[in-house]
């Protein structure tokens, strides 16, 4: 049995709180399947009943960007001036934009 437990997949856990609009990553856990992962996540991450929704996602289903690609992915495109808010002229009626 302990050998099977060591082979359980890793799941990433996301919880939406009562005050929140979106789910936030709260941690990871091992479980045999999605149903077990949700049950374990409830027990571990919502002890004070602060959650209203739980998502579990197999860790191996997540693809992340590489740190060395950050410049190409996140730096603004300077050759596309329409992406900069200073390009637009807003009418006086529009406030707080």
PDB file of N, CA and C in Angstrom:
ATOM      1  N   UNK A   1       0.822  -1.196   0.000  1.00  0.00           N
ATOM      2  CA  UNK A   1       0.000   0.000   0.000  1.00  0.00           C
ATOM      3  C   UNK A   1       0.862   1.255   0.000  1.00  0.00           C
ATOM      4  N   UNK A   2       1.936   1.297   0.801  1.00  0.00           N
ATOM      5  CA  UNK A   2       2.751   2.502   0.874  1.00  0.00           C
ATOM      6  C   UNK A   2       3.436   2.775  -0.466  1.00  0.00           C
ATOM      7  N   UNK A   3       3.752   1.701  -1.242  1.00  0.00           N
ATOM      8  CA  UNK A   3       4.351   1.912  -2.561  1.00  0.00           C
ATOM      9  C   UNK A   3       3.361   2.590  -3.498  1.00  0.00           C
ATOM     10  N   UNK A   4       2.078   2.208  -3.428  1.00  0.00           N
ATOM     11  CA  UNK A   4       1.055   2.858  -4.253  1.00  0.00           C
ATOM     12  C   UNK A   4       0.893   4.320  -3.857  1.00  0.00           C
ATOM     13  N   UNK A   5       0.917   4.611  -2.551  1.00  0.00           N
ATOM     14  CA  UNK A   5       0.762   5.986  -2.083  1.00  0.00           C
ATOM     15  C   UNK A   5       1.906   6.849  -2.597  1.00  0.00           C
ATOM     16  N   UNK A   6       3.111   6.308  -2.661  1.00  0.00           N
ATOM     17  CA  UNK A   6       4.259   7.067  -3.155  1.00  0.00           C
ATOM     18  C   UNK A   6       4.124   7.393  -4.632  1.00  0.00           C
ATOM     19  N   UNK A   7       3.270   6.678  -5.356  1.00  0.00           N
ATOM     20  CA  UNK A   7       3.084   6.916  -6.780  1.00  0.00           C
ATOM     21  C   UNK A   7       1.859   7.769  -7.096  1.00  0.00           C
ATOM     22  N   UNK A   8       1.142   8.220  -6.076  1.00  0.00           N
ATOM     23  CA  UNK A   8      -0.019   9.070  -6.319  1.00  0.00           C
ATOM     24  C   UNK A   8       0.428  10.369  -6.976  1.00  0.00           C
ATOM     25  N   UNK A   9      -0.366  10.851  -7.936  1.00  0.00           N
ATOM     26  CA  UNK A   9       0.027  12.099  -8.613  1.00  0.00           C
ATOM     27  C   UNK A   9      -0.105  13.313  -7.691  1.00  0.00           C
ATOM     28  N   UNK A  10       0.631  14.341  -8.036  1.00  0.00           N
ATOM     29  CA  UNK A  10       0.586  15.603  -7.307  1.00  0.00           C
ATOM     30  C   UNK A  10      -0.506  16.480  -7.905  1.00  0.00           C
ATOM     31  N   UNK A  11      -1.311  17.112  -7.068  1.00  0.00           N
ATOM     32  CA  UNK A  11      -2.418  17.971  -7.488  1.00  0.00           C
ATOM     33  C   UNK A  11      -2.176  19.377  -6.956  1.00  0.00           C
ATOM     34  N   UNK A  12      -2.468  20.374  -7.770  1.00  0.00           N
ATOM     35  CA  UNK A  12      -2.412  21.769  -7.348  1.00  0.00           C
ATOM     36  C   UNK A  12      -3.813  22.169  -6.900  1.00  0.00           C
ATOM     37  N   UNK A  13      -3.903  22.888  -5.790  1.00  0.00           N
ATOM     38  CA  UNK A  13      -5.192  23.219  -5.181  1.00  0.00           C
ATOM     39  C   UNK A  13      -5.434  24.723  -5.262  1.00  0.00           C
ATOM     40  N   UNK A  14      -6.628  25.080  -5.724  1.00  0.00           N
ATOM     41  CA  UNK A  14      -7.058  26.476  -5.824  1.00  0.00           C
ATOM     42  C   UNK A  14      -8.369  26.616  -5.054  1.00  0.00           C
ATOM     43  N   UNK A  15      -8.467  27.648  -4.223  1.00  0.00           N
ATOM     44  CA  UNK A  15      -9.652  27.886  -3.398  1.00  0.00           C
ATOM     45  C   UNK A  15     -10.204  29.275  -3.700  1.00  0.00           C
ATOM     46  N   UNK A  16     -11.521  29.369  -3.785  1.00  0.00           N
ATOM     47  CA  UNK A  16     -12.171  30.689  -3.864  1.00  0.00           C
ATOM     48  C   UNK A  16     -12.774  30.960  -2.493  1.00  0.00           C
ATOM     49  N   UNK A  17     -12.373  32.075  -1.897  1.00  0.00           N
ATOM     50  CA  UNK A  17     -12.873  32.421  -0.569  1.00  0.00           C
ATOM     51  C   UNK A  17     -14.244  33.081  -0.675  1.00  0.00           C
ATOM     52  N   UNK A  18     -14.887  33.236   0.444  1.00  0.00           N
ATOM     53  CA  UNK A  18     -16.208  33.880   0.477  1.00  0.00           C
ATOM     54  C   UNK A  18     -16.130  35.327  -0.012  1.00  0.00           C
ATOM     55  N   UNK A  19     -15.029  35.993   0.264  1.00  0.00           N
ATOM     56  CA  UNK A  19     -14.875  37.388  -0.137  1.00  0.00           C
ATOM     57  C   UNK A  19     -14.261  37.544  -1.526  1.00  0.00           C
ATOM     58  N   UNK A  20     -13.695  36.492  -2.074  1.00  0.00           N
ATOM     59  CA  UNK A  20     -12.972  36.589  -3.334  1.00  0.00           C
ATOM     60  C   UNK A  20     -13.820  36.309  -4.553  1.00  0.00           C
ATOM     61  N   UNK A  21     -13.371  36.851  -5.664  1.00  0.00           N
ATOM     62  CA  UNK A  21     -14.050  36.602  -6.931  1.00  0.00           C
ATOM     63  C   UNK A  21     -13.356  35.510  -7.737  1.00  0.00           C
ATOM     64  N   UNK A  22     -12.083  35.290  -7.457  1.00  0.00           N
ATOM     65  CA  UNK A  22     -11.328  34.302  -8.214  1.00  0.00           C
ATOM     66  C   UNK A  22     -10.699  33.264  -7.303  1.00  0.00           C
ATOM     67  N   UNK A  23     -10.305  32.167  -7.895  1.00  0.00           N
ATOM     68  CA  UNK A  23      -9.620  31.108  -7.163  1.00  0.00           C
ATOM     69  C   UNK A  23      -8.145  31.480  -7.009  1.00  0.00           C
ATOM     70  N   UNK A  24      -7.564  31.137  -5.861  1.00  0.00           N
ATOM     71  CA  UNK A  24      -6.146  31.395  -5.600  1.00  0.00           C
ATOM     72  C   UNK A  24      -5.459  30.086  -5.265  1.00  0.00           C
ATOM     73  N   UNK A  25      -4.231  29.962  -5.751  1.00  0.00           N
ATOM     74  CA  UNK A  25      -3.449  28.762  -5.465  1.00  0.00           C
ATOM     75  C   UNK A  25      -3.081  28.770  -3.985  1.00  0.00           C
ATOM     76  N   UNK A  26      -3.387  27.661  -3.301  1.00  0.00           N
ATOM     77  CA  UNK A  26      -3.109  27.579  -1.873  1.00  0.00           C
ATOM     78  C   UNK A  26      -2.084  26.507  -1.529  1.00  0.00           C
ATOM     79  N   UNK A  27      -1.805  25.612  -2.460  1.00  0.00           N
ATOM     80  CA  UNK A  27      -0.829  24.573  -2.187  1.00  0.00           C
ATOM     81  C   UNK A  27      -0.993  23.363  -3.066  1.00  0.00           C
ATOM     82  N   UNK A  28      -0.305  22.303  -2.671  1.00  0.00           N
ATOM     83  CA  UNK A  28      -0.295  21.058  -3.441  1.00  0.00           C
ATOM     84  C   UNK A  28      -0.521  19.887  -2.498  1.00  0.00           C
ATOM     85  N   UNK A  29      -0.982  18.783  -3.069  1.00  0.00           N
ATOM     86  CA  UNK A  29      -1.129  17.557  -2.290  1.00  0.00           C
ATOM     87  C   UNK A  29      -1.121  16.356  -3.217  1.00  0.00           C
ATOM     88  N   UNK A  30      -0.854  15.190  -2.644  1.00  0.00           N
ATOM     89  CA  UNK A  30      -0.890  13.934  -3.396  1.00  0.00           C
ATOM     90  C   UNK A  30      -2.236  13.259  -3.146  1.00  0.00           C
ATOM     91  N   UNK A  31      -2.812  12.716  -4.206  1.00  0.00           N
ATOM     92  CA  UNK A  31      -4.078  11.979  -4.092  1.00  0.00           C
ATOM     93  C   UNK A  31      -4.168  10.985  -5.242  1.00  0.00           C
ATOM     94  N   UNK A  32      -4.950   9.938  -5.028  1.00  0.00           N
ATOM     95  CA  UNK A  32      -5.096   8.896  -6.042  1.00  0.00           C
ATOM     96  C   UNK A  32      -5.907   9.363  -7.239  1.00  0.00           C
ATOM     97  N   UNK A  33      -6.917  10.242  -6.998  1.00  0.00           N
ATOM     98  CA  UNK A  33      -7.764  10.723  -8.085  1.00  0.00           C
ATOM     99  C   UNK A  33      -8.323  12.100  -7.718  1.00  0.00           C
ATOM    100  N   UNK A  34      -9.092  12.692  -8.634  1.00  0.00           N
ATOM    101  CA  UNK A  34      -9.610  14.048  -8.436  1.00  0.00           C
ATOM    102  C   UNK A  34     -10.560  14.127  -7.243  1.00  0.00           C
ATOM    103  N   UNK A  35     -11.400  13.124  -7.080  1.00  0.00           N
ATOM    104  CA  UNK A  35     -12.350  13.126  -5.962  1.00  0.00           C
ATOM    105  C   UNK A  35     -11.614  13.127  -4.624  1.00  0.00           C
ATOM    106  N   UNK A  36     -10.585  12.294  -4.515  1.00  0.00           N
ATOM    107  CA  UNK A  36      -9.795  12.253  -3.294  1.00  0.00           C
ATOM    108  C   UNK A  36      -9.039  13.575  -3.099  1.00  0.00           C
ATOM    109  N   UNK A  37      -8.563  14.155  -4.182  1.00  0.00           N
ATOM    110  CA  UNK A  37      -7.840  15.422  -4.092  1.00  0.00           C
ATOM    111  C   UNK A  37      -8.747  16.536  -3.562  1.00  0.00           C
ATOM    112  N   UNK A  38      -9.993  16.573  -4.021  1.00  0.00           N
ATOM    113  CA  UNK A  38     -10.935  17.591  -3.532  1.00  0.00           C
ATOM    114  C   UNK A  38     -11.226  17.364  -2.042  1.00  0.00           C
ATOM    115  N   UNK A  39     -11.456  16.133  -1.656  1.00  0.00           N
ATOM    116  CA  UNK A  39     -11.711  15.836  -0.245  1.00  0.00           C
ATOM    117  C   UNK A  39     -10.529  16.204   0.640  1.00  0.00           C
ATOM    118  N   UNK A  40      -9.328  15.844   0.205  1.00  0.00           N
ATOM    119  CA  UNK A  40      -8.137  16.179   0.979  1.00  0.00           C
ATOM    120  C   UNK A  40      -7.906  17.688   1.017  1.00  0.00           C
ATOM    121  N   UNK A  41      -8.162  18.360  -0.096  1.00  0.00           N
ATOM    122  CA  UNK A  41      -8.001  19.815  -0.145  1.00  0.00           C
ATOM    123  C   UNK A  41      -8.972  20.484   0.814  1.00  0.00           C
ATOM    124  N   UNK A  42     -10.196  19.992   0.862  1.00  0.00           N
ATOM    125  CA  UNK A  42     -11.184  20.535   1.800  1.00  0.00           C
ATOM    126  C   UNK A  42     -10.681  20.388   3.230  1.00  0.00           C
ATOM    127  N   UNK A  43     -10.164  19.208   3.562  1.00  0.00           N
ATOM    128  CA  UNK A  43      -9.690  18.953   4.928  1.00  0.00           C
ATOM    129  C   UNK A  43      -8.456  19.778   5.279  1.00  0.00           C
ATOM    130  N   UNK A  44      -7.557  19.955   4.325  1.00  0.00           N
ATOM    131  CA  UNK A  44      -6.290  20.623   4.612  1.00  0.00           C
ATOM    132  C   UNK A  44      -6.387  22.139   4.481  1.00  0.00           C
ATOM    133  N   UNK A  45      -7.076  22.635   3.460  1.00  0.00           N
ATOM    134  CA  UNK A  45      -7.010  24.060   3.142  1.00  0.00           C
ATOM    135  C   UNK A  45      -8.262  24.861   3.499  1.00  0.00           C
ATOM    136  N   UNK A  46      -9.325  24.233   3.963  1.00  0.00           N
ATOM    137  CA  UNK A  46     -10.522  25.000   4.332  1.00  0.00           C
ATOM    138  C   UNK A  46     -10.995  24.603   5.730  1.00  0.00           C
ATOM    139  N   UNK A  47     -10.103  24.579   6.671  1.00  0.00           N
ATOM    140  CA  UNK A  47     -10.435  24.158   8.036  1.00  0.00           C
ATOM    141  C   UNK A  47     -11.431  25.090   8.704  1.00  0.00           C
ATOM    142  N   UNK A  48     -11.382  26.361   8.373  1.00  0.00           N
ATOM    143  CA  UNK A  48     -12.269  27.337   9.014  1.00  0.00           C
ATOM    144  C   UNK A  48     -13.469  27.671   8.138  1.00  0.00           C
ATOM    145  N   UNK A  49     -13.768  26.836   7.183  1.00  0.00           N
ATOM    146  CA  UNK A  49     -14.905  27.001   6.277  1.00  0.00           C
ATOM    147  C   UNK A  49     -14.856  28.318   5.517  1.00  0.00           C
ATOM    148  N   UNK A  50     -13.634  28.765   5.182  1.00  0.00           N
ATOM    149  CA  UNK A  50     -13.507  30.027   4.457  1.00  0.00           C
ATOM    150  C   UNK A  50     -13.678  29.874   2.950  1.00  0.00           C
ATOM    151  N   UNK A  51     -13.671  28.667   2.439  1.00  0.00           N
ATOM    152  CA  UNK A  51     -13.786  28.459   1.008  1.00  0.00           C
ATOM    153  C   UNK A  51     -15.208  28.189   0.555  1.00  0.00           C
ATOM    154  N   UNK A  52     -15.501  28.606  -0.673  1.00  0.00           N
ATOM    155  CA  UNK A  52     -16.811  28.305  -1.257  1.00  0.00           C
ATOM    156  C   UNK A  52     -16.671  27.462  -2.522  1.00  0.00           C
ATOM    157  N   UNK A  53     -15.440  27.313  -3.013  1.00  0.00           N
ATOM    158  CA  UNK A  53     -15.205  26.511  -4.215  1.00  0.00           C
ATOM    159  C   UNK A  53     -13.767  26.010  -4.207  1.00  0.00           C
ATOM    160  N   UNK A  54     -13.586  24.769  -4.629  1.00  0.00           N
ATOM    161  CA  UNK A  54     -12.256  24.158  -4.690  1.00  0.00           C
ATOM    162  C   UNK A  54     -12.015  23.645  -6.101  1.00  0.00           C
ATOM    163  N   UNK A  55     -10.851  23.970  -6.640  1.00  0.00           N
ATOM    164  CA  UNK A  55     -10.393  23.397  -7.903  1.00  0.00           C
ATOM    165  C   UNK A  55      -9.138  22.588  -7.610  1.00  0.00           C
ATOM    166  N   UNK A  56      -9.024  21.409  -8.200  1.00  0.00           N
ATOM    167  CA  UNK A  56      -7.784  20.632  -8.150  1.00  0.00           C
ATOM    168  C   UNK A  56      -7.382  20.307  -9.585  1.00  0.00           C
ATOM    169  N   UNK A  57      -6.099  20.458  -9.847  1.00  0.00           N
ATOM    170  CA  UNK A  57      -5.575  20.252 -11.198  1.00  0.00           C
ATOM    171  C   UNK A  57      -4.315  19.403 -11.087  1.00  0.00           C
ATOM    172  N   UNK A  58      -4.199  18.348 -11.889  1.00  0.00           N
ATOM    173  CA  UNK A  58      -2.959  17.570 -11.840  1.00  0.00           C
ATOM    174  C   UNK A  58      -1.768  18.461 -12.188  1.00  0.00           C
ATOM    175  N   UNK A  59      -0.743  18.394 -11.370  1.00  0.00           N
ATOM    176  CA  UNK A  59       0.434  19.237 -11.594  1.00  0.00           C
ATOM    177  C   UNK A  59       1.054  19.019 -12.963  1.00  0.00           C
ATOM    178  N   UNK A  60       1.002  17.776 -13.453  1.00  0.00           N
ATOM    179  CA  UNK A  60       1.628  17.511 -14.751  1.00  0.00           C
ATOM    180  C   UNK A  60       0.812  18.068 -15.923  1.00  0.00           C
ATOM    181  N   UNK A  61      -0.377  18.608 -15.655  1.00  0.00           N
ATOM    182  CA  UNK A  61      -1.182  19.232 -16.707  1.00  0.00           C
ATOM    183  C   UNK A  61      -0.879  20.728 -16.846  1.00  0.00           C
ATOM    184  N   UNK A  62      -0.031  21.258 -15.976  1.00  0.00           N
ATOM    185  CA  UNK A  62       0.303  22.683 -15.997  1.00  0.00           C
ATOM    186  C   UNK A  62       1.578  22.889 -16.803  1.00  0.00           C
ATOM    187  N   UNK A  63       1.519  23.848 -17.699  1.00  0.00           N
ATOM    188  CA  UNK A  63       2.698  24.231 -18.469  1.00  0.00           C
ATOM    189  C   UNK A  63       3.068  25.648 -18.080  1.00  0.00           C
ATOM    190  N   UNK A  64       4.317  25.872 -17.767  1.00  0.00           N
ATOM    191  CA  UNK A  64       4.774  27.188 -17.311  1.00  0.00           C
ATOM    192  C   UNK A  64       5.805  27.750 -18.281  1.00  0.00           C
ATOM    193  N   UNK A  65       5.884  29.065 -18.302  1.00  0.00           N
ATOM    194  CA  UNK A  65       6.910  29.710 -19.115  1.00  0.00           C
ATOM    195  C   UNK A  65       8.260  29.575 -18.419  1.00  0.00           C
ATOM    196  N   UNK A  66       9.306  29.646 -19.196  1.00  0.00           N
ATOM    197  CA  UNK A  66      10.666  29.564 -18.663  1.00  0.00           C
ATOM    198  C   UNK A  66      11.146  30.956 -18.279  1.00  0.00           C
ATOM    199  N   UNK A  67      11.893  31.078 -17.192  1.00  0.00           N
ATOM    200  CA  UNK A  67      12.388  32.391 -16.770  1.00  0.00           C
ATOM    201  C   UNK A  67      13.187  33.113 -17.854  1.00  0.00           C
ATOM    202  N   UNK A  68      13.911  32.383 -18.659  1.00  0.00           N
ATOM    203  CA  UNK A  68      14.720  33.027 -19.702  1.00  0.00           C
ATOM    204  C   UNK A  68      13.864  33.610 -20.829  1.00  0.00           C
ATOM    205  N   UNK A  69      12.581  33.258 -20.874  1.00  0.00           N
ATOM    206  CA  UNK A  69      11.674  33.806 -21.889  1.00  0.00           C
ATOM    207  C   UNK A  69      10.921  35.035 -21.410  1.00  0.00           C
ATOM    208  N   UNK A  70      11.174  35.489 -20.186  1.00  0.00           N
ATOM    209  CA  UNK A  70      10.374  36.567 -19.608  1.00  0.00           C
ATOM    210  C   UNK A  70      10.470  37.865 -20.402  1.00  0.00           C
ATOM    211  N   UNK A  71      11.629  38.193 -20.928  1.00  0.00           N
ATOM    212  CA  UNK A  71      11.762  39.445 -21.682  1.00  0.00           C
ATOM    213  C   UNK A  71      10.852  39.438 -22.906  1.00  0.00           C
ATOM    214  N   UNK A  72      10.855  38.372 -23.656  1.00  0.00           N
ATOM    215  CA  UNK A  72      10.020  38.290 -24.854  1.00  0.00           C
ATOM    216  C   UNK A  72       8.525  38.234 -24.517  1.00  0.00           C
ATOM    217  N   UNK A  73       8.191  37.629 -23.387  1.00  0.00           N
ATOM    218  CA  UNK A  73       6.785  37.471 -23.036  1.00  0.00           C
ATOM    219  C   UNK A  73       6.172  38.689 -22.358  1.00  0.00           C
ATOM    220  N   UNK A  74       6.947  39.374 -21.521  1.00  0.00           N
ATOM    221  CA  UNK A  74       6.346  40.380 -20.650  1.00  0.00           C
ATOM    222  C   UNK A  74       6.755  41.817 -20.928  1.00  0.00           C
ATOM    223  N   UNK A  75       7.803  42.048 -21.652  1.00  0.00           N
ATOM    224  CA  UNK A  75       8.174  43.429 -21.962  1.00  0.00           C
ATOM    225  C   UNK A  75       7.192  44.005 -22.965  1.00  0.00           C
ATOM    226  N   UNK A  76       6.820  45.277 -22.793  1.00  0.00           N
ATOM    227  CA  UNK A  76       5.862  45.868 -23.745  1.00  0.00           C
ATOM    228  C   UNK A  76       6.451  45.966 -25.148  1.00  0.00           C
ATOM    229  N   UNK A  77       5.589  45.887 -26.103  1.00  0.00           N
ATOM    230  CA  UNK A  77       6.023  45.994 -27.504  1.00  0.00           C
ATOM    231  C   UNK A  77       6.112  47.483 -27.859  1.00  0.00           C
ATOM    232  N   UNK A  78       7.309  48.017 -27.896  1.00  0.00           N
ATOM    233  CA  UNK A  78       7.502  49.443 -28.133  1.00  0.00           C
ATOM    234  C   UNK A  78       7.127  49.866 -29.541  1.00  0.00           C
ATOM    235  N   UNK A  79       7.091  48.920 -30.458  1.00  0.00           N
ATOM    236  CA  UNK A  79       6.761  49.281 -31.835  1.00  0.00           C
ATOM    237  C   UNK A  79       5.248  49.317 -32.081  1.00  0.00           C
ATOM    238  N   UNK A  80       4.455  49.032 -31.063  1.00  0.00           N
ATOM    239  CA  UNK A  80       2.984  49.054 -31.204  1.00  0.00           C
ATOM    240  C   UNK A  80       2.444  50.118 -30.261  1.00  0.00           C
ATOM    241  N   UNK A  81       2.474  51.362 -30.717  1.00  0.00           N
ATOM    242  CA  UNK A  81       2.132  52.474 -29.829  1.00  0.00           C
ATOM    243  C   UNK A  81       0.687  52.456 -29.383  1.00  0.00           C
ATOM    244  N   UNK A  82      -0.186  51.785 -30.128  1.00  0.00           N
ATOM    245  CA  UNK A  82      -1.591  51.729 -29.730  1.00  0.00           C
ATOM    246  C   UNK A  82      -1.793  50.969 -28.428  1.00  0.00           C
ATOM    247  N   UNK A  83      -0.790  50.230 -27.976  1.00  0.00           N
ATOM    248  CA  UNK A  83      -0.900  49.506 -26.717  1.00  0.00           C
ATOM    249  C   UNK A  83      -0.639  50.407 -25.511  1.00  0.00           C
ATOM    250  N   UNK A  84      -0.116  51.577 -25.745  1.00  0.00           N
ATOM    251  CA  UNK A  84       0.177  52.507 -24.660  1.00  0.00           C
ATOM    252  C   UNK A  84      -1.002  53.457 -24.482  1.00  0.00           C
ATOM    253  N   UNK A  85      -1.472  53.665 -23.272  1.00  0.00           N
ATOM    254  CA  UNK A  85      -2.662  54.486 -23.056  1.00  0.00           C
ATOM    255  C   UNK A  85      -2.477  55.944 -23.452  1.00  0.00           C
ATOM    256  N   UNK A  86      -1.255  56.412 -23.570  1.00  0.00           N
ATOM    257  CA  UNK A  86      -1.033  57.813 -23.941  1.00  0.00           C
ATOM    258  C   UNK A  86      -1.388  58.067 -25.401  1.00  0.00           C
ATOM    259  N   UNK A  87      -1.582  57.037 -26.176  1.00  0.00           N
ATOM    260  CA  UNK A  87      -1.908  57.179 -27.589  1.00  0.00           C
ATOM    261  C   UNK A  87      -3.328  57.705 -27.787  1.00  0.00           C
ATOM    262  N   UNK A  88      -4.212  57.417 -26.833  1.00  0.00           N
ATOM    263  CA  UNK A  88      -5.618  57.752 -26.964  1.00  0.00           C
ATOM    264  C   UNK A  88      -5.943  59.093 -26.310  1.00  0.00           C
ATOM    265  N   UNK A  89      -6.817  59.838 -26.942  1.00  0.00           N
ATOM    266  CA  UNK A  89      -7.329  61.066 -26.362  1.00  0.00           C
ATOM    267  C   UNK A  89      -8.737  60.772 -25.837  1.00  0.00           C
ATOM    268  N   UNK A  90      -8.922  60.951 -24.540  1.00  0.00           N
ATOM    269  CA  UNK A  90     -10.206  60.646 -23.919  1.00  0.00           C
ATOM    270  C   UNK A  90     -11.050  61.922 -23.784  1.00  0.00           C
ATOM    271  N   UNK A  91     -12.332  61.792 -23.997  1.00  0.00           N
ATOM    272  CA  UNK A  91     -13.213  62.957 -23.811  1.00  0.00           C
ATOM    273  C   UNK A  91     -13.282  63.344 -22.334  1.00  0.00           C
ATOM    274  N   UNK A  92     -13.625  64.580 -22.064  1.00  0.00           N
ATOM    275  CA  UNK A  92     -13.692  65.078 -20.699  1.00  0.00           C
ATOM    276  C   UNK A  92     -14.715  64.323 -19.851  1.00  0.00           C
ATOM    277  N   UNK A  93     -15.749  63.751 -20.483  1.00  0.00           N
ATOM    278  CA  UNK A  93     -16.794  63.045 -19.728  1.00  0.00           C
ATOM    279  C   UNK A  93     -16.301  61.750 -19.107  1.00  0.00           C
ATOM    280  N   UNK A  94     -15.211  61.221 -19.612  1.00  0.00           N
ATOM    281  CA  UNK A  94     -14.686  59.959 -19.112  1.00  0.00           C
ATOM    282  C   UNK A  94     -13.770  60.254 -17.915  1.00  0.00           C
ATOM    283  N   UNK A  95     -14.138  59.714 -16.777  1.00  0.00           N
ATOM    284  CA  UNK A  95     -13.376  59.946 -15.553  1.00  0.00           C
ATOM    285  C   UNK A  95     -12.659  58.673 -15.102  1.00  0.00           C
ATOM    286  N   UNK A  96     -11.572  58.837 -14.425  1.00  0.00           N
ATOM    287  CA  UNK A  96     -10.865  57.746 -13.738  1.00  0.00           C
ATOM    288  C   UNK A  96     -10.473  56.599 -14.648  1.00  0.00           C
ATOM    289  N   UNK A  97      -9.902  56.902 -15.759  1.00  0.00           N
ATOM    290  CA  UNK A  97      -9.448  55.835 -16.632  1.00  0.00           C
ATOM    291  C   UNK A  97      -7.968  55.814 -16.744  1.00  0.00           C
TER     292      UNK A  97
END
